[in-house]
Each structure stands twice: as structure tokens, then as C-alpha cells.
Amino acid sequence: MDHFTPVSALAGGLLTGVAAVVLLWLDGRIAGVSGIAGGLWFSARGDRLWRALFLSGLVLGTGIWVAIHGRPIPRAHFPPALLVFSGLLVGYGTSLARGCTSGHGVCGLARGSPRSLAATAVFVGVAIVTTFAARHVLRLA
């Protein structure tokens, strides 16, 4: 744990939880980012505005963080081809799981969904194996 930041992690978790609750209370929708992003292209025209605003808020939030802290977000240096391949795998996995970590891990677990518990356990297990392989087997990070 080279860069342990409990305060920013707690703040980020609280903001994520509040955003999920507000979206559910105000609009009856689940704050699953993969579903929101997918719906931008595959939903009815009138349903796209809130999706675009939600996703813009994620990007804008990053910009605000950089502006407040005056330094870029720390990132690992992976080959671009590996990042693209990884992104495609994540997209495929979220379609198989019918949701992502925000949909299942934040919203689904909060609602007590057994399917979300199983999906989140798989997400975390695969993340552990992937991180171990990337760091210790392939020595990428």
C-alpha cells in the first residue's frame, strides 16, 4: 500500500453512495455506470440526457479533483494495447454479469440482491488474480 489515502477513499465512497441513493430516490434508477453508458447508445432518445449528464459528472469530478489538488491523478504505466484489451474484457464481462461494480457492488448489495453478491464476489476475485498476475507474474506494475 504505497499510497494509502483513507480520507479521500472515504469521501469518494460517501459521494458514490449519495449519488446512487439520489438517483434511486429521484428517478427510480440504479447507478450502474456500465448500464448508464450502454444506454447512451441503445436507449430511446428522451432517455439519453440524464445518462450523458451522469457520465459527464464523473469526468467533471475528476477535473475538479485535479484542479483542487494541483497534480494529476496517479496512474500506472501500462502499454496502450493492454489498456484497450483490458477495457474490452471489462465491457464484455459487465455484459455477461448484467452489470458492473457500481451496479452490483454499490446498488445491488445495498438492496440485498443475492445475484449482486455473487457478481461482486466474482469481480473482486478476478481483480485479485489479475492484480497478482500483473504485478508478480508479468511484472507490469
Protein backbone atom coordinates (compact mmCIF):
# COMPACT_ATOMS: atom_id res chain seq x y z
CA MET A 1 0.00 0.00 0.00
CA ASP A 2 2.27 2.69 -1.32
CA HIS A 3 -0.31 5.46 -1.48
CA PHE A 4 -2.85 4.74 1.28
CA THR A 5 -5.35 7.62 1.34
CA PRO A 6 -8.19 6.76 3.73
CA VAL A 7 -9.72 10.25 3.81
CA SER A 8 -10.10 10.59 0.03
CA ALA A 9 -11.24 6.95 -0.21
CA LEU A 10 -13.91 7.56 2.43
CA ALA A 11 -15.01 10.79 0.74
CA GLY A 12 -15.20 9.05 -2.64
CA GLY A 13 -17.19 6.18 -1.18
CA LEU A 14 -19.61 8.54 0.54
CA LEU A 15 -20.11 10.58 -2.65
CA THR A 16 -20.68 7.43 -4.67
CA GLY A 17 -23.23 6.18 -2.16
CA VAL A 18 -25.03 9.52 -2.02
CA ALA A 19 -25.15 9.72 -5.84
CA ALA A 20 -26.60 6.19 -6.02
CA VAL A 21 -29.25 6.97 -3.39
CA VAL A 22 -30.22 10.28 -5.01
CA LEU A 23 -30.59 8.67 -8.45
CA LEU A 24 -32.69 5.87 -6.98
CA TRP A 25 -34.90 8.19 -4.91
CA LEU A 26 -35.40 10.88 -7.54
CA ASP A 27 -35.68 8.75 -10.66
CA GLY A 28 -36.02 5.13 -9.52
CA ARG A 29 -32.89 4.15 -11.45
CA ILE A 30 -29.85 2.12 -10.48
CA ALA A 31 -26.49 3.93 -10.68
CA GLY A 32 -24.73 1.22 -12.65
CA VAL A 33 -22.20 3.01 -14.81
CA SER A 34 -21.98 0.32 -17.50
CA GLY A 35 -25.76 0.29 -17.88
CA ILE A 36 -25.89 4.07 -17.97
CA ALA A 37 -23.12 4.23 -20.58
CA GLY A 38 -24.63 1.44 -22.66
CA GLY A 39 -27.98 3.18 -22.58
CA LEU A 40 -26.46 6.26 -24.19
CA TRP A 41 -26.28 4.36 -27.46
CA PHE A 42 -29.06 1.82 -27.07
CA SER A 43 -31.93 3.69 -25.39
CA ALA A 44 -34.73 5.95 -26.53
CA ARG A 45 -33.75 9.47 -27.46
CA GLY A 46 -35.53 11.09 -24.47
CA ASP A 47 -33.66 8.82 -22.06
CA ARG A 48 -30.19 9.96 -23.11
CA LEU A 49 -29.91 13.37 -21.43
CA TRP A 50 -29.73 12.17 -17.83
CA ARG A 51 -27.27 9.46 -18.87
CA ALA A 52 -24.99 11.98 -20.58
CA LEU A 53 -25.19 14.30 -17.56
CA PHE A 54 -24.40 11.48 -15.13
CA LEU A 55 -21.35 10.36 -17.13
CA SER A 56 -20.22 13.97 -17.64
CA GLY A 57 -20.33 14.38 -13.87
CA LEU A 58 -17.87 11.51 -13.50
CA VAL A 59 -15.42 13.19 -15.87
CA LEU A 60 -16.03 16.63 -14.37
CA GLY A 61 -15.43 15.25 -10.88
CA THR A 62 -12.01 14.07 -11.97
CA GLY A 63 -11.25 17.52 -13.37
CA ILE A 64 -12.30 19.14 -10.11
CA TRP A 65 -10.05 16.77 -8.13
CA VAL A 66 -7.08 17.67 -10.34
CA ALA A 67 -7.85 21.41 -10.01
CA ILE A 68 -8.12 21.24 -6.20
CA HIS A 69 -5.02 19.14 -5.67
CA GLY A 70 -2.95 20.73 -8.43
CA ARG A 71 -1.47 17.46 -9.58
CA PRO A 72 -2.60 14.75 -11.95
CA ILE A 73 -4.17 11.55 -10.74
CA PRO A 74 -1.53 8.88 -10.09
CA ARG A 75 -1.64 6.19 -12.73
CA ALA A 76 0.14 3.03 -13.67
CA HIS A 77 2.05 2.97 -16.92
CA PHE A 78 0.68 0.09 -18.97
CA PRO A 79 1.10 -0.38 -22.71
CA PRO A 80 -1.84 1.25 -24.57
CA ALA A 81 -2.70 -2.02 -26.35
CA LEU A 82 -3.03 -3.75 -22.97
CA LEU A 83 -5.32 -0.99 -21.70
CA VAL A 84 -7.56 -1.27 -24.77
CA PHE A 85 -7.67 -5.07 -24.48
CA SER A 86 -8.43 -4.80 -20.76
CA GLY A 87 -11.21 -2.31 -21.40
CA LEU A 88 -12.79 -4.66 -23.94
CA LEU A 89 -12.60 -7.52 -21.46
CA VAL A 90 -14.23 -5.39 -18.77
CA GLY A 91 -17.00 -4.37 -21.15
CA TYR A 92 -17.61 -7.97 -22.15
CA GLY A 93 -17.61 -9.05 -18.51
CA THR A 94 -20.12 -6.40 -17.49
CA SER A 95 -22.46 -7.53 -20.24
CA LEU A 96 -22.13 -11.14 -19.08
CA ALA A 97 -22.75 -10.16 -15.45
CA ARG A 98 -25.57 -7.81 -16.48
CA GLY A 99 -23.94 -5.03 -14.51
CA CYS A 100 -20.71 -3.62 -13.16
CA THR A 101 -19.17 -2.92 -9.77
CA SER A 102 -21.24 0.22 -9.26
CA GLY A 103 -24.50 -1.50 -10.20
CA HIS A 104 -23.91 -4.75 -8.34
CA GLY A 105 -21.34 -3.75 -5.72
CA VAL A 106 -22.89 -0.47 -4.61
CA CYS A 107 -26.56 -0.59 -5.53
CA GLY A 108 -27.25 -4.33 -5.64
CA LEU A 109 -25.56 -5.13 -2.33
CA ALA A 110 -27.37 -2.22 -0.68
CA ARG A 111 -30.67 -3.74 -1.85
CA GLY A 112 -29.66 -7.19 -0.56
CA SER A 113 -29.56 -8.83 -4.00
CA PRO A 114 -28.08 -12.36 -3.93
CA ARG A 115 -27.22 -12.06 -7.64
CA SER A 116 -25.27 -8.87 -6.89
CA LEU A 117 -23.46 -10.59 -4.02
CA ALA A 118 -22.36 -13.39 -6.37
CA ALA A 119 -21.35 -10.94 -9.11
CA THR A 120 -19.38 -8.76 -6.69
CA ALA A 121 -17.57 -11.81 -5.27
CA VAL A 122 -16.56 -12.79 -8.82
CA PHE A 123 -15.46 -9.20 -9.64
CA VAL A 124 -13.29 -9.00 -6.53
CA GLY A 125 -11.84 -12.49 -7.02
CA VAL A 126 -10.90 -11.79 -10.62
CA ALA A 127 -9.42 -8.42 -9.62
CA ILE A 128 -7.21 -10.12 -7.02
CA VAL A 129 -5.99 -12.73 -9.51
CA THR A 130 -5.44 -10.10 -12.23
CA THR A 131 -3.51 -7.79 -9.91
CA PHE A 132 -1.34 -10.64 -8.70
CA ALA A 133 -0.61 -11.76 -12.27
CA ALA A 134 0.12 -8.22 -13.50
CA ARG A 135 2.42 -7.35 -10.61
CA HIS A 136 4.14 -10.61 -9.76
CA VAL A 137 3.95 -12.85 -12.82
CA LEU A 138 4.10 -10.37 -15.73
CA ARG A 139 5.82 -7.62 -13.68
CA LEU A 140 3.81 -4.88 -15.42
CA ALA A 141 3.40 -2.63 -12.39
